Amino acid sequence: MKKYILAVDQGTTSTRAILINKKGEEVYKAQRPVDCYFPKAGWVEQSADNIWVSVVDVINELMIVSSAKWEEIAGIGITNQRETTIVWDKSTGRAIHNAIVWQSKQTQKICDRYEKKKTFIADRTGLRLNPYFSASKIRFILEAVPGAEEKAKKGELMFGTIETWLIYKMTNGAVHATDVSNASRTAIFNIYDMKWDEELCKLWKVPTSMLPEVKDSSCDFGEASFFPGHVHIYGVAGDQQSALFGQCCFKEGESKNTYGTGCFMLMNTGENPIKTKSGLLTTVAWRINGKTTYALEGSVFIGGAVVQWVRDQTRWIEDSRDSEYYASKVKDTAGVYFVPAFVGLGTPYWDDDARGAIFGLTRGADRHHITRAAIYSIAYQSKDVIDTMRKDANLDLPVLKVDGGASANAMLMQFQSDILQCEVRIPKNVETTALGAGYLAGLACGFWKDLAEIEKNVGIQRRFFPTMDPTEADKLCRGWAKAVIATRAFKTE
């Protein structure tokens, strides 16, 4: 009897494996941290091998600790950090360069070459010309590794974002594939024709032989033969699209915000891709049975990662979970604003040259105030995105559905509710990213029969309502806006 869906959530800073039952409940979970490397200022890389090893580790631990049998697994769902790019040798299956992480700015000079083509790129992909996306990362690797260009032309190299790498490894090299949501983040996929764009591939000098097959988000991706049990991979989606699906935002206009390493606001726009000029992205949410659903997206590059910075760089706290405790030692930030533009600013600014800054320091400001300001910065940045979406999509937002690790921070969620002046709602199962991949897999293998059956699993863990006077909230947000202006005005050489 099939009892579970196995969901793998490969994120920027950790990898998780989760067993999900019919009720959409997390039955067991295993987690491993994943290291990032910073070769130069603004560069972020990871080991492709370490990512794969972390996946094997969490799946093995999950099966051992849970005592589940592979015969009880109906299917596997994969969700992943998006845009992070790996190029590997077809003959050896080994990466030829470290994975370049989505946050990395090391391809900025490559993007600068294509400045005159930014409108052309946006018109076909829904994306901005930015180091964030995969195309410039592929180009960087091909130029950085001796002989890579020639190997690519000969069809000897393969490209994939994280889910493609994991599918390839899980199927013992039998399947080289991605889904539409991840393909839509590469800057070489036409989101209107729903296929790799030959002109964009020529523009970026990416041989089409490197590219994976693009499939629906909910379908058979092949047997995960690396593991026993003859279990197939049935669901794949990029982490933010997966979270949108996991929050059951199936209807047009439904939205969510994920508080992870970065923060990502997505709104389901149905079958209609909406183009905006305010810093939002048009992206593919998912495709099921050949039917494409689109979304609008806004991105905050440094969300929960600002708390990791406080933990690792200042060593004021030993664990990220301690941040709320230390921040609660003071009643406010004492006028301190923390703009964590460590790798630039995302929506609506898209300022790649901005760098982090702390404003309003006085002799009385201490680590507690700065830690509180760091937490508040996540909410301020998210509000910038949400306000942009409210305006461009004419969206009334009485409720914000939230998820991600940082949503467990009650101080952050209350402050988010206060400055947005709306309800913030945390679902019963906060692992909505993994849950979305699980739901997509379960639909394809018949574990759940349809979306209506999945929606019955929705539950609410906690609600936050505004308690701050709107005038005070507006005053704080004006201060944030001034801090952002000052941050952007300062440029390093």
Foldseek 3Di string as FASTA:
>chain_A
DAFWAWFWEQEDFKIKIFTAGLLRDTPDMDMDTFDWDDPDQQWTFGALVSSLVRRVVGVVVRCVVVVDDLQNHLAYFYAYAAQFKFKDFLVPLHTQDTTGHLRGQPLVVVLVVCVVCQVVLCVFQLDGSGSNANLSVVLCSCVVGPPSLVCQVVLGMAMDHSVQSNLCVQQVNPFREAEQQRVSRHSQAGPVVGGGHPVSCVVSVGDPSRHGHYDFQFAWRAFSVVDPNRHTHGGYHYLVLLLCVLLVLVDAQDWAWEQAQKIKIKGWHAQDFDHDDQQWGKGWSTADPNRTIIIIMWIFNGGLVLLVCCCPVVVPDPDSVCLLVLLVVDPALQLKAKAQQSQHGGPRPSGRQFHIDIDDDDPPGDSNSVSRNSLQNNLLSVVRVVVSCCVRVVHDDQEHEYAYDSVVNPSSLQLSQALVQHKYWYWPDRVSSSSSSSVSHCCHSVSDVDSVSNVVSTGTDDMHGHDDDNVVSVVVSVSNVVVVVVRSVDGDD
